[in-house]
Amino acid sequence: MADLPGPAECRLGPASAWFSRVRVRVPAHGLGAVAAAVRRATAPVVPEPSDGGPPFNGHLTLARVKGRLGPRAQAELEGIPFASTFAVAHVDLVASAPSPQGHVYTTLVRAPLGGPA
């Protein structure tokens, strides 16, 4: 996957938030250029939707919730302060396969940022 930008810095935070009412996540910032490069590189096999698709929304999923939580539980998980910064040196293409024990994730390709795959 050529044309990936150099190593990036990911900044998590400032706090937990709900994403699509079933996922608790922490926003991730600083990876927009990496996401754009991945979209360009995968365009031949994953074309852009005719409406342009959703914008990149970097995040780290903390939990997925089955069923609906009450407003009190949702409020308790919303807005928990969290901040961290780390270097991102590569991008992985990962396959997800369901199993009785949960999903099994397998790295198919690892592409270093700022260099050839």
PDB file of N, CA and C in Angstrom:
ATOM      1  N   MET A   1       0.862  -1.157   0.000  1.00  0.00           N
ATOM      2  CA  MET A   1       0.000   0.000   0.000  1.00  0.00           C
ATOM      3  C   MET A   1       0.912   1.224   0.000  1.00  0.00           C
ATOM      4  N   ALA A   2       1.321   1.623  -1.183  1.00  0.00           N
ATOM      5  CA  ALA A   2       2.189   2.793  -1.283  1.00  0.00           C
ATOM      6  C   ALA A   2       1.376   4.056  -0.992  1.00  0.00           C
ATOM      7  N   ASP A   3       2.037   5.167  -0.894  1.00  0.00           N
ATOM      8  CA  ASP A   3       1.385   6.464  -0.703  1.00  0.00           C
ATOM      9  C   ASP A   3       0.806   6.656   0.698  1.00  0.00           C
ATOM     10  N   LEU A   4       1.223   5.839   1.651  1.00  0.00           N
ATOM     11  CA  LEU A   4       0.794   6.083   3.025  1.00  0.00           C
ATOM     12  C   LEU A   4       1.686   7.167   3.611  1.00  0.00           C
ATOM     13  N   PRO A   5       1.110   8.066   4.400  1.00  0.00           N
ATOM     14  CA  PRO A   5       1.929   9.124   4.996  1.00  0.00           C
ATOM     15  C   PRO A   5       2.927   8.541   5.985  1.00  0.00           C
ATOM     16  N   GLY A   6       3.853   9.369   6.427  1.00  0.00           N
ATOM     17  CA  GLY A   6       4.834   8.938   7.415  1.00  0.00           C
ATOM     18  C   GLY A   6       4.177   8.576   8.730  1.00  0.00           C
ATOM     19  N   PRO A   7       4.953   8.111   9.699  1.00  0.00           N
ATOM     20  CA  PRO A   7       4.360   7.748  10.987  1.00  0.00           C
ATOM     21  C   PRO A   7       3.472   8.868  11.522  1.00  0.00           C
ATOM     22  N   ALA A   8       2.390   8.475  12.153  1.00  0.00           N
ATOM     23  CA  ALA A   8       1.398   9.428  12.656  1.00  0.00           C
ATOM     24  C   ALA A   8       1.354   9.374  14.179  1.00  0.00           C
ATOM     25  N   GLU A   9       0.757  10.392  14.751  1.00  0.00           N
ATOM     26  CA  GLU A   9       0.537  10.415  16.186  1.00  0.00           C
ATOM     27  C   GLU A   9      -0.969  10.407  16.423  1.00  0.00           C
ATOM     28  N   CYS A  10      -1.433   9.454  17.208  1.00  0.00           N
ATOM     29  CA  CYS A  10      -2.848   9.364  17.548  1.00  0.00           C
ATOM     30  C   CYS A  10      -3.051   9.937  18.941  1.00  0.00           C
ATOM     31  N   ARG A  11      -4.049  10.810  19.054  1.00  0.00           N
ATOM     32  CA  ARG A  11      -4.413  11.403  20.340  1.00  0.00           C
ATOM     33  C   ARG A  11      -5.820  10.938  20.698  1.00  0.00           C
ATOM     34  N   LEU A  12      -5.946  10.217  21.802  1.00  0.00           N
ATOM     35  CA  LEU A  12      -7.240   9.739  22.272  1.00  0.00           C
ATOM     36  C   LEU A  12      -7.818  10.706  23.285  1.00  0.00           C
ATOM     37  N   GLY A  13      -9.131  10.889  23.233  1.00  0.00           N
ATOM     38  CA  GLY A  13      -9.786  11.710  24.247  1.00  0.00           C
ATOM     39  C   GLY A  13     -10.584  12.828  23.626  1.00  0.00           C
ATOM     40  N   PRO A  14     -11.170  13.640  24.434  1.00  0.00           N
ATOM     41  CA  PRO A  14     -10.887  13.854  25.847  1.00  0.00           C
ATOM     42  C   PRO A  14     -11.697  12.984  26.799  1.00  0.00           C
ATOM     43  N   ALA A  15     -12.740  12.287  26.293  1.00  0.00           N
ATOM     44  CA  ALA A  15     -13.595  11.521  27.206  1.00  0.00           C
ATOM     45  C   ALA A  15     -14.378  10.478  26.425  1.00  0.00           C
ATOM     46  N   SER A  16     -14.931   9.505  27.152  1.00  0.00           N
ATOM     47  CA  SER A  16     -15.756   8.472  26.530  1.00  0.00           C
ATOM     48  C   SER A  16     -17.057   9.075  26.002  1.00  0.00           C
ATOM     49  N   ALA A  17     -17.622   8.424  24.984  1.00  0.00           N
ATOM     50  CA  ALA A  17     -18.874   8.894  24.389  1.00  0.00           C
ATOM     51  C   ALA A  17     -19.584   7.701  23.765  1.00  0.00           C
ATOM     52  N   TRP A  18     -20.870   7.843  23.561  1.00  0.00           N
ATOM     53  CA  TRP A  18     -21.639   6.787  22.884  1.00  0.00           C
ATOM     54  C   TRP A  18     -21.529   6.960  21.386  1.00  0.00           C
ATOM     55  N   PHE A  19     -21.433   5.845  20.687  1.00  0.00           N
ATOM     56  CA  PHE A  19     -21.340   5.801  19.234  1.00  0.00           C
ATOM     57  C   PHE A  19     -22.389   4.799  18.778  1.00  0.00           C
ATOM     58  N   SER A  20     -23.367   5.231  18.069  1.00  0.00           N
ATOM     59  CA  SER A  20     -24.462   4.407  17.533  1.00  0.00           C
ATOM     60  C   SER A  20     -25.263   3.679  18.622  1.00  0.00           C
ATOM     61  N   ARG A  21     -25.355   4.236  19.789  1.00  0.00           N
ATOM     62  CA  ARG A  21     -26.178   3.761  20.908  1.00  0.00           C
ATOM     63  C   ARG A  21     -25.821   2.382  21.440  1.00  0.00           C
ATOM     64  N   VAL A  22     -24.885   1.655  20.818  1.00  0.00           N
ATOM     65  CA  VAL A  22     -24.507   0.339  21.345  1.00  0.00           C
ATOM     66  C   VAL A  22     -23.003   0.229  21.592  1.00  0.00           C
ATOM     67  N   ARG A  23     -22.240   1.265  21.281  1.00  0.00           N
ATOM     68  CA  ARG A  23     -20.796   1.226  21.474  1.00  0.00           C
ATOM     69  C   ARG A  23     -20.349   2.411  22.316  1.00  0.00           C
ATOM     70  N   VAL A  24     -19.505   2.127  23.287  1.00  0.00           N
ATOM     71  CA  VAL A  24     -18.864   3.185  24.058  1.00  0.00           C
ATOM     72  C   VAL A  24     -17.473   3.344  23.457  1.00  0.00           C
ATOM     73  N   ARG A  25     -17.104   4.577  23.140  1.00  0.00           N
ATOM     74  CA  ARG A  25     -15.826   4.794  22.473  1.00  0.00           C
ATOM     75  C   ARG A  25     -15.137   6.030  23.011  1.00  0.00           C
ATOM     76  N   VAL A  26     -13.848   6.134  22.657  1.00  0.00           N
ATOM     77  CA  VAL A  26     -13.060   7.330  22.940  1.00  0.00           C
ATOM     78  C   VAL A  26     -12.644   7.877  21.581  1.00  0.00           C
ATOM     79  N   PRO A  27     -12.867   9.156  21.312  1.00  0.00           N
ATOM     80  CA  PRO A  27     -12.461   9.731  20.025  1.00  0.00           C
ATOM     81  C   PRO A  27     -10.948   9.632  19.823  1.00  0.00           C
ATOM     82  N   ALA A  28     -10.538   9.413  18.566  1.00  0.00           N
ATOM     83  CA  ALA A  28      -9.116   9.366  18.183  1.00  0.00           C
ATOM     84  C   ALA A  28      -8.876  10.451  17.148  1.00  0.00           C
ATOM     85  N   HIS A  29      -7.856  11.256  17.367  1.00  0.00           N
ATOM     86  CA  HIS A  29      -7.536  12.375  16.483  1.00  0.00           C
ATOM     87  C   HIS A  29      -6.141  12.189  15.894  1.00  0.00           C
ATOM     88  N   GLY A  30      -5.917  12.745  14.715  1.00  0.00           N
ATOM     89  CA  GLY A  30      -4.591  12.742  14.120  1.00  0.00           C
ATOM     90  C   GLY A  30      -4.377  11.701  13.036  1.00  0.00           C
ATOM     91  N   LEU A  31      -5.419  10.935  12.683  1.00  0.00           N
ATOM     92  CA  LEU A  31      -5.266   9.866  11.701  1.00  0.00           C
ATOM     93  C   LEU A  31      -6.015  10.121  10.402  1.00  0.00           C
ATOM     94  N   GLY A  32      -6.492  11.341  10.198  1.00  0.00           N
ATOM     95  CA  GLY A  32      -7.253  11.662   8.983  1.00  0.00           C
ATOM     96  C   GLY A  32      -6.463  11.426   7.708  1.00  0.00           C
ATOM     97  N   ALA A  33      -5.182  11.801   7.677  1.00  0.00           N
ATOM     98  CA  ALA A  33      -4.364  11.604   6.474  1.00  0.00           C
ATOM     99  C   ALA A  33      -4.152  10.114   6.198  1.00  0.00           C
ATOM    100  N   VAL A  34      -4.004   9.324   7.250  1.00  0.00           N
ATOM    101  CA  VAL A  34      -3.852   7.873   7.089  1.00  0.00           C
ATOM    102  C   VAL A  34      -5.146   7.287   6.534  1.00  0.00           C
ATOM    103  N   ALA A  35      -6.292   7.687   7.081  1.00  0.00           N
ATOM    104  CA  ALA A  35      -7.583   7.188   6.597  1.00  0.00           C
ATOM    105  C   ALA A  35      -7.793   7.550   5.135  1.00  0.00           C
ATOM    106  N   ALA A  36      -7.447   8.776   4.739  1.00  0.00           N
ATOM    107  CA  ALA A  36      -7.598   9.195   3.339  1.00  0.00           C
ATOM    108  C   ALA A  36      -6.705   8.369   2.426  1.00  0.00           C
ATOM    109  N   ALA A  37      -5.480   8.076   2.848  1.00  0.00           N
ATOM    110  CA  ALA A  37      -4.570   7.259   2.034  1.00  0.00           C
ATOM    111  C   ALA A  37      -5.087   5.830   1.890  1.00  0.00           C
ATOM    112  N   VAL A  38      -5.656   5.283   2.961  1.00  0.00           N
ATOM    113  CA  VAL A  38      -6.223   3.929   2.894  1.00  0.00           C
ATOM    114  C   VAL A  38      -7.414   3.914   1.935  1.00  0.00           C
ATOM    115  N   ARG A  39      -8.266   4.946   2.000  1.00  0.00           N
ATOM    116  CA  ARG A  39      -9.401   5.013   1.061  1.00  0.00           C
ATOM    117  C   ARG A  39      -8.921   5.066  -0.389  1.00  0.00           C
ATOM    118  N   ARG A  40      -7.893   5.883  -0.655  1.00  0.00           N
ATOM    119  CA  ARG A  40      -7.360   5.964  -2.023  1.00  0.00           C
ATOM    120  C   ARG A  40      -6.790   4.612  -2.464  1.00  0.00           C
ATOM    121  N   ALA A  41      -6.057   3.956  -1.588  1.00  0.00           N
ATOM    122  CA  ALA A  41      -5.415   2.686  -1.938  1.00  0.00           C
ATOM    123  C   ALA A  41      -6.413   1.563  -2.145  1.00  0.00           C
ATOM    124  N   THR A  42      -7.544   1.608  -1.447  1.00  0.00           N
ATOM    125  CA  THR A  42      -8.526   0.530  -1.556  1.00  0.00           C
ATOM    126  C   THR A  42      -9.660   0.841  -2.527  1.00  0.00           C
ATOM    127  N   ALA A  43      -9.644   2.022  -3.140  1.00  0.00           N
ATOM    128  CA  ALA A  43     -10.725   2.426  -4.051  1.00  0.00           C
ATOM    129  C   ALA A  43     -10.985   1.425  -5.175  1.00  0.00           C
ATOM    130  N   PRO A  44      -9.968   0.761  -5.744  1.00  0.00           N
ATOM    131  CA  PRO A  44     -10.263  -0.206  -6.820  1.00  0.00           C
ATOM    132  C   PRO A  44     -11.122  -1.386  -6.372  1.00  0.00           C
ATOM    133  N   VAL A  45     -11.074  -1.746  -5.094  1.00  0.00           N
ATOM    134  CA  VAL A  45     -11.865  -2.882  -4.621  1.00  0.00           C
ATOM    135  C   VAL A  45     -12.997  -2.485  -3.685  1.00  0.00           C
ATOM    136  N   VAL A  46     -12.944  -1.278  -3.141  1.00  0.00           N
ATOM    137  CA  VAL A  46     -14.000  -0.754  -2.265  1.00  0.00           C
ATOM    138  C   VAL A  46     -14.329   0.649  -2.754  1.00  0.00           C
ATOM    139  N   PRO A  47     -15.151   0.750  -3.805  1.00  0.00           N
ATOM    140  CA  PRO A  47     -15.431   2.082  -4.359  1.00  0.00           C
ATOM    141  C   PRO A  47     -16.200   2.952  -3.377  1.00  0.00           C
ATOM    142  N   GLU A  48     -16.019   4.266  -3.527  1.00  0.00           N
ATOM    143  CA  GLU A  48     -16.749   5.234  -2.706  1.00  0.00           C
ATOM    144  C   GLU A  48     -18.247   5.107  -2.995  1.00  0.00           C
ATOM    145  N   PRO A  49     -19.094   5.213  -1.990  1.00  0.00           N
ATOM    146  CA  PRO A  49     -20.536   5.239  -2.232  1.00  0.00           C
ATOM    147  C   PRO A  49     -20.897   6.465  -3.066  1.00  0.00           C
ATOM    148  N   SER A  50     -21.972   6.372  -3.808  1.00  0.00           N
ATOM    149  CA  SER A  50     -22.376   7.473  -4.675  1.00  0.00           C
ATOM    150  C   SER A  50     -22.671   8.753  -3.883  1.00  0.00           C
ATOM    151  N   ASP A  51     -23.060   8.611  -2.610  1.00  0.00           N
ATOM    152  CA  ASP A  51     -23.334   9.799  -1.792  1.00  0.00           C
ATOM    153  C   ASP A  51     -22.095  10.298  -1.059  1.00  0.00           C
ATOM    154  N   GLY A  52     -20.924   9.718  -1.347  1.00  0.00           N
ATOM    155  CA  GLY A  52     -19.687  10.136  -0.706  1.00  0.00           C
ATOM    156  C   GLY A  52     -19.370   9.383   0.574  1.00  0.00           C
ATOM    157  N   GLY A  53     -20.351   8.718   1.146  1.00  0.00           N
ATOM    158  CA  GLY A  53     -20.135   7.938   2.361  1.00  0.00           C
ATOM    159  C   GLY A  53     -19.959   8.805   3.588  1.00  0.00           C
ATOM    160  N   PRO A  54     -19.907   8.151   4.737  1.00  0.00           N
ATOM    161  CA  PRO A  54     -19.752   8.911   5.978  1.00  0.00           C
ATOM    162  C   PRO A  54     -18.331   9.458   6.097  1.00  0.00           C
ATOM    163  N   PRO A  55     -18.159  10.554   6.803  1.00  0.00           N
ATOM    164  CA  PRO A  55     -16.811  11.083   7.021  1.00  0.00           C
ATOM    165  C   PRO A  55     -16.036  10.158   7.956  1.00  0.00           C
ATOM    166  N   PHE A  56     -14.722  10.232   7.899  1.00  0.00           N
ATOM    167  CA  PHE A  56     -13.877   9.447   8.802  1.00  0.00           C
ATOM    168  C   PHE A  56     -14.164   9.862  10.239  1.00  0.00           C
ATOM    169  N   ASN A  57     -14.370   8.890  11.095  1.00  0.00           N
ATOM    170  CA  ASN A  57     -14.672   9.136  12.500  1.00  0.00           C
ATOM    171  C   ASN A  57     -13.746   8.260  13.334  1.00  0.00           C
ATOM    172  N   GLY A  58     -12.495   8.725  13.528  1.00  0.00           N
ATOM    173  CA  GLY A  58     -11.531   7.942  14.287  1.00  0.00           C
ATOM    174  C   GLY A  58     -11.988   7.747  15.723  1.00  0.00           C
ATOM    175  N   HIS A  59     -11.870   6.490  16.206  1.00  0.00           N
ATOM    176  CA  HIS A  59     -12.262   6.204  17.581  1.00  0.00           C
ATOM    177  C   HIS A  59     -11.676   4.863  18.014  1.00  0.00           C
ATOM    178  N   LEU A  60     -11.641   4.658  19.300  1.00  0.00           N
ATOM    179  CA  LEU A  60     -11.276   3.383  19.901  1.00  0.00           C
ATOM    180  C   LEU A  60     -12.525   2.876  20.602  1.00  0.00           C
ATOM    181  N   THR A  61     -13.033   1.721  20.168  1.00  0.00           N
ATOM    182  CA  THR A  61     -14.220   1.156  20.813  1.00  0.00           C
ATOM    183  C   THR A  61     -13.811   0.507  22.126  1.00  0.00           C
ATOM    184  N   LEU A  62     -14.474   0.903  23.205  1.00  0.00           N
ATOM    185  CA  LEU A  62     -14.201   0.349  24.531  1.00  0.00           C
ATOM    186  C   LEU A  62     -15.106  -0.825  24.851  1.00  0.00           C
ATOM    187  N   ALA A  63     -16.361  -0.761  24.401  1.00  0.00           N
ATOM    188  CA  ALA A  63     -17.320  -1.820  24.705  1.00  0.00           C
ATOM    189  C   ALA A  63     -18.466  -1.770  23.714  1.00  0.00           C
ATOM    190  N   ARG A  64     -19.023  -2.948  23.446  1.00  0.00           N
ATOM    191  CA  ARG A  64     -20.265  -3.047  22.686  1.00  0.00           C
ATOM    192  C   ARG A  64     -21.309  -3.570  23.663  1.00  0.00           C
ATOM    193  N   VAL A  65     -22.486  -2.995  23.608  1.00  0.00           N
ATOM    194  CA  VAL A  65     -23.526  -3.325  24.562  1.00  0.00           C
ATOM    195  C   VAL A  65     -24.639  -4.061  23.843  1.00  0.00           C
ATOM    196  N   LYS A  66     -24.995  -5.243  24.345  1.00  0.00           N
ATOM    197  CA  LYS A  66     -26.120  -5.986  23.797  1.00  0.00           C
ATOM    198  C   LYS A  66     -27.382  -5.502  24.474  1.00  0.00           C
ATOM    199  N   GLY A  67     -28.432  -5.323  23.677  1.00  0.00           N
ATOM    200  CA  GLY A  67     -29.675  -4.832  24.246  1.00  0.00           C
ATOM    201  C   GLY A  67     -29.565  -3.355  24.569  1.00  0.00           C
ATOM    202  N   ARG A  68     -30.568  -2.836  25.190  1.00  0.00           N
ATOM    203  CA  ARG A  68     -30.577  -1.404  25.525  1.00  0.00           C
ATOM    204  C   ARG A  68     -30.262  -1.209  26.989  1.00  0.00           C
ATOM    205  N   LEU A  69     -29.437  -0.242  27.256  1.00  0.00           N
ATOM    206  CA  LEU A  69     -29.151   0.145  28.635  1.00  0.00           C
ATOM    207  C   LEU A  69     -30.113   1.246  29.032  1.00  0.00           C
ATOM    208  N   GLY A  70     -30.376   1.319  30.285  1.00  0.00           N
ATOM    209  CA  GLY A  70     -31.205   2.410  30.773  1.00  0.00           C
ATOM    210  C   GLY A  70     -30.446   3.720  30.711  1.00  0.00           C
ATOM    211  N   PRO A  71     -31.160   4.837  30.751  1.00  0.00           N
ATOM    212  CA  PRO A  71     -30.517   6.148  30.697  1.00  0.00           C
ATOM    213  C   PRO A  71     -29.471   6.344  31.800  1.00  0.00           C
ATOM    214  N   ARG A  72     -29.692   5.780  32.981  1.00  0.00           N
ATOM    215  CA  ARG A  72     -28.732   5.947  34.075  1.00  0.00           C
ATOM    216  C   ARG A  72     -27.403   5.276  33.726  1.00  0.00           C
ATOM    217  N   ALA A  73     -27.449   4.039  33.225  1.00  0.00           N
ATOM    218  CA  ALA A  73     -26.218   3.330  32.869  1.00  0.00           C
ATOM    219  C   ALA A  73     -25.506   4.047  31.732  1.00  0.00           C
ATOM    220  N   GLN A  74     -26.260   4.528  30.746  1.00  0.00           N
ATOM    221  CA  GLN A  74     -25.646   5.258  29.648  1.00  0.00           C
ATOM    222  C   GLN A  74     -24.960   6.519  30.164  1.00  0.00           C
ATOM    223  N   ALA A  75     -25.618   7.230  31.089  1.00  0.00           N
ATOM    224  CA  ALA A  75     -25.039   8.454  31.639  1.00  0.00           C
ATOM    225  C   ALA A  75     -23.753   8.152  32.408  1.00  0.00           C
ATOM    226  N   GLU A  76     -23.700   6.999  33.090  1.00  0.00           N
ATOM    227  CA  GLU A  76     -22.508   6.648  33.860  1.00  0.00           C
ATOM    228  C   GLU A  76     -21.306   6.356  32.967  1.00  0.00           C
ATOM    229  N   LEU A  77     -21.540   5.873  31.763  1.00  0.00           N
ATOM    230  CA  LEU A  77     -20.437   5.544  30.854  1.00  0.00           C
ATOM    231  C   LEU A  77     -20.056   6.695  29.932  1.00  0.00           C
ATOM    232  N   GLU A  78     -20.865   7.716  29.884  1.00  0.00           N
ATOM    233  CA  GLU A  78     -20.622   8.889  29.030  1.00  0.00           C
ATOM    234  C   GLU A  78     -19.744   9.891  29.752  1.00  0.00           C
ATOM    235  N   GLY A  79     -18.743  10.425  29.060  1.00  0.00           N
ATOM    236  CA  GLY A  79     -17.969  11.537  29.588  1.00  0.00           C
ATOM    237  C   GLY A  79     -16.889  11.180  30.598  1.00  0.00           C
ATOM    238  N   ILE A  80     -16.474   9.914  30.649  1.00  0.00           N
ATOM    239  CA  ILE A  80     -15.378   9.536  31.546  1.00  0.00           C
ATOM    240  C   ILE A  80     -14.090  10.110  30.958  1.00  0.00           C
ATOM    241  N   PRO A  81     -13.375  10.945  31.697  1.00  0.00           N
ATOM    242  CA  PRO A  81     -12.159  11.552  31.151  1.00  0.00           C
ATOM    243  C   PRO A  81     -11.129  10.495  30.756  1.00  0.00           C
ATOM    244  N   PHE A  82     -10.537  10.691  29.592  1.00  0.00           N
ATOM    245  CA  PHE A  82      -9.494   9.786  29.115  1.00  0.00           C
ATOM    246  C   PHE A  82      -8.657  10.529  28.096  1.00  0.00           C
ATOM    247  N   ALA A  83      -7.352  10.468  28.249  1.00  0.00           N
ATOM    248  CA  ALA A  83      -6.459  11.108  27.283  1.00  0.00           C
ATOM    249  C   ALA A  83      -5.175  10.301  27.192  1.00  0.00           C
ATOM    250  N   SER A  84      -4.733  10.056  25.962  1.00  0.00           N
ATOM    251  CA  SER A  84      -3.486   9.343  25.726  1.00  0.00           C
ATOM    252  C   SER A  84      -3.000   9.698  24.329  1.00  0.00           C
ATOM    253  N   THR A  85      -1.710   9.618  24.123  1.00  0.00           N
ATOM    254  CA  THR A  85      -1.104   9.861  22.814  1.00  0.00           C
ATOM    255  C   THR A  85      -0.122   8.743  22.537  1.00  0.00           C
ATOM    256  N   PHE A  86      -0.113   8.249  21.292  1.00  0.00           N
ATOM    257  CA  PHE A  86       0.842   7.201  20.931  1.00  0.00           C
ATOM    258  C   PHE A  86       1.176   7.285  19.444  1.00  0.00           C
ATOM    259  N   ALA A  87       2.328   6.736  19.095  1.00  0.00           N
ATOM    260  CA  ALA A  87       2.776   6.719  17.701  1.00  0.00           C
ATOM    261  C   ALA A  87       2.091   5.588  16.958  1.00  0.00           C
ATOM    262  N   VAL A  88       1.766   5.833  15.687  1.00  0.00           N
ATOM    263  CA  VAL A  88       1.184   4.812  14.814  1.00  0.00           C
ATOM    264  C   VAL A  88       2.184   4.599  13.679  1.00  0.00           C
ATOM    265  N   ALA A  89       2.773   3.420  13.632  1.00  0.00           N
ATOM    266  CA  ALA A  89       3.832   3.140  12.669  1.00  0.00           C
ATOM    267  C   ALA A  89       3.373   2.305  11.478  1.00  0.00           C
ATOM    268  N   HIS A  90       2.194   1.676  11.570  1.00  0.00           N
ATOM    269  CA  HIS A  90       1.719   0.835  10.472  1.00  0.00           C
ATOM    270  C   HIS A  90       0.191   0.734  10.498  1.00  0.00           C
ATOM    271  N   VAL A  91      -0.343   0.245   9.392  1.00  0.00           N
ATOM    272  CA  VAL A  91      -1.769  -0.015   9.252  1.00  0.00           C
ATOM    273  C   VAL A  91      -1.922  -1.497   8.949  1.00  0.00           C
ATOM    274  N   ASP A  92      -2.853  -2.159   9.619  1.00  0.00           N
ATOM    275  CA  ASP A  92      -3.112  -3.574   9.378  1.00  0.00           C
ATOM    276  C   ASP A  92      -4.455  -3.758   8.686  1.00  0.00           C
ATOM    277  N   LEU A  93      -4.496  -4.658   7.704  1.00  0.00           N
ATOM    278  CA  LEU A  93      -5.748  -5.117   7.111  1.00  0.00           C
ATOM    279  C   LEU A  93      -6.100  -6.394   7.860  1.00  0.00           C
ATOM    280  N   VAL A  94      -7.263  -6.382   8.539  1.00  0.00           N
ATOM    281  CA  VAL A  94      -7.627  -7.468   9.438  1.00  0.00           C
ATOM    282  C   VAL A  94      -8.927  -8.114   8.981  1.00  0.00           C
ATOM    283  N   ALA A  95      -8.943  -9.453   8.957  1.00  0.00           N
ATOM    284  CA  ALA A  95     -10.162 -10.207   8.664  1.00  0.00           C
ATOM    285  C   ALA A  95     -10.814 -10.577   9.994  1.00  0.00           C
ATOM    286  N   SER A  96     -12.133 -10.499  10.029  1.00  0.00           N
ATOM    287  CA  SER A  96     -12.904 -10.848  11.214  1.00  0.00           C
ATOM    288  C   SER A  96     -13.817 -12.016  10.863  1.00  0.00           C
ATOM    289  N   ALA A  97     -13.697 -13.113  11.622  1.00  0.00           N
ATOM    290  CA  ALA A  97     -14.533 -14.285  11.379  1.00  0.00           C
ATOM    291  C   ALA A  97     -15.252 -14.658  12.669  1.00  0.00           C
ATOM    292  N   PRO A  98     -16.588 -14.770  12.614  1.00  0.00           N
ATOM    293  CA  PRO A  98     -17.311 -15.145  13.828  1.00  0.00           C
ATOM    294  C   PRO A  98     -17.026 -16.595  14.217  1.00  0.00           C
ATOM    295  N   SER A  99     -17.057 -16.862  15.516  1.00  0.00           N
ATOM    296  CA  SER A  99     -16.917 -18.222  16.028  1.00  0.00           C
ATOM    297  C   SER A  99     -17.774 -18.317  17.280  1.00  0.00           C
ATOM    298  N   PRO A 100     -18.022 -19.525  17.767  1.00  0.00           N
ATOM    299  CA  PRO A 100     -18.826 -19.656  18.997  1.00  0.00           C
ATOM    300  C   PRO A 100     -18.201 -18.948  20.200  1.00  0.00           C
ATOM    301  N   GLN A 101     -16.888 -18.775  20.206  1.00  0.00           N
ATOM    302  CA  GLN A 101     -16.213 -18.108  21.317  1.00  0.00           C
ATOM    303  C   GLN A 101     -16.097 -16.601  21.113  1.00  0.00           C
ATOM    304  N   GLY A 102     -16.591 -16.085  20.016  1.00  0.00           N
ATOM    305  CA  GLY A 102     -16.450 -14.670  19.681  1.00  0.00           C
ATOM    306  C   GLY A 102     -15.695 -14.535  18.373  1.00  0.00           C
ATOM    307  N   HIS A 103     -15.538 -13.324  17.895  1.00  0.00           N
ATOM    308  CA  HIS A 103     -14.859 -13.111  16.622  1.00  0.00           C
ATOM    309  C   HIS A 103     -13.372 -13.428  16.730  1.00  0.00           C
ATOM    310  N   VAL A 104     -12.832 -13.993  15.651  1.00  0.00           N
ATOM    311  CA  VAL A 104     -11.405 -14.274  15.538  1.00  0.00           C
ATOM    312  C   VAL A 104     -10.851 -13.294  14.516  1.00  0.00           C
ATOM    313  N   TYR A 105      -9.809 -12.552  14.895  1.00  0.00           N
ATOM    314  CA  TYR A 105      -9.221 -11.535  14.032  1.00  0.00           C
ATOM    315  C   TYR A 105      -7.867 -12.025  13.529  1.00  0.00           C
ATOM    316  N   THR A 106      -7.667 -11.922  12.209  1.00  0.00           N
ATOM    317  CA  THR A 106      -6.420 -12.355  11.583  1.00  0.00           C
ATOM    318  C   THR A 106      -5.857 -11.213  10.752  1.00  0.00           C
ATOM    319  N   THR A 107      -4.598 -10.847  11.000  1.00  0.00           N
ATOM    320  CA  THR A 107      -3.955  -9.803  10.202  1.00  0.00           C
ATOM    321  C   THR A 107      -3.566 -10.392   8.854  1.00  0.00           C
ATOM    322  N   LEU A 108      -4.071  -9.802   7.782  1.00  0.00           N
ATOM    323  CA  LEU A 108      -3.780 -10.265   6.427  1.00  0.00           C
ATOM    324  C   LEU A 108      -2.592  -9.542   5.826  1.00  0.00           C
ATOM    325  N   VAL A 109      -2.504  -8.219   6.059  1.00  0.00           N
ATOM    326  CA  VAL A 109      -1.426  -7.404   5.524  1.00  0.00           C
ATOM    327  C   VAL A 109      -1.071  -6.338   6.554  1.00  0.00           C
ATOM    328  N   ARG A 110       0.219  -6.106   6.732  1.00  0.00           N
ATOM    329  CA  ARG A 110       0.692  -4.996   7.572  1.00  0.00           C
ATOM    330  C   ARG A 110       1.465  -4.042   6.659  1.00  0.00           C
ATOM    331  N   ALA A 111       1.020  -2.786   6.576  1.00  0.00           N
ATOM    332  CA  ALA A 111       1.662  -1.780   5.735  1.00  0.00           C
ATOM    333  C   ALA A 111       2.290  -0.710   6.616  1.00  0.00           C
ATOM    334  N   PRO A 112       3.617  -0.575   6.558  1.00  0.00           N
ATOM    335  CA  PRO A 112       4.249   0.475   7.361  1.00  0.00           C
ATOM    336  C   PRO A 112       3.890   1.856   6.837  1.00  0.00           C
ATOM    337  N   LEU A 113       3.699   2.791   7.723  1.00  0.00           N
ATOM    338  CA  LEU A 113       3.435   4.167   7.308  1.00  0.00           C
ATOM    339  C   LEU A 113       4.737   4.787   6.811  1.00  0.00           C
ATOM    340  N   GLY A 114       4.639   5.479   5.689  1.00  0.00           N
ATOM    341  CA  GLY A 114       5.811   6.136   5.140  1.00  0.00           C
ATOM    342  C   GLY A 114       6.733   5.220   4.378  1.00  0.00           C
ATOM    343  N   GLY A 115       6.285   4.013   4.039  1.00  0.00           N
ATOM    344  CA  GLY A 115       7.146   3.087   3.317  1.00  0.00           C
ATOM    345  C   GLY A 115       6.339   2.071   2.542  1.00  0.00           C
ATOM    346  N   PRO A 116       6.988   1.247   1.721  1.00  0.00           N
ATOM    347  CA  PRO A 116       6.274   0.238   0.931  1.00  0.00           C
ATOM    348  C   PRO A 116       5.741  -0.882   1.822  1.00  0.00           C
ATOM    349  N   ALA A 117       4.718  -1.571   1.334  1.00  0.00           N
ATOM    350  CA  ALA A 117       4.110  -2.678   2.081  1.00  0.00           C
ATOM    351  C   ALA A 117       5.062  -3.848   2.192  1.00  0.00           C
TER     352      ALA A 117
END
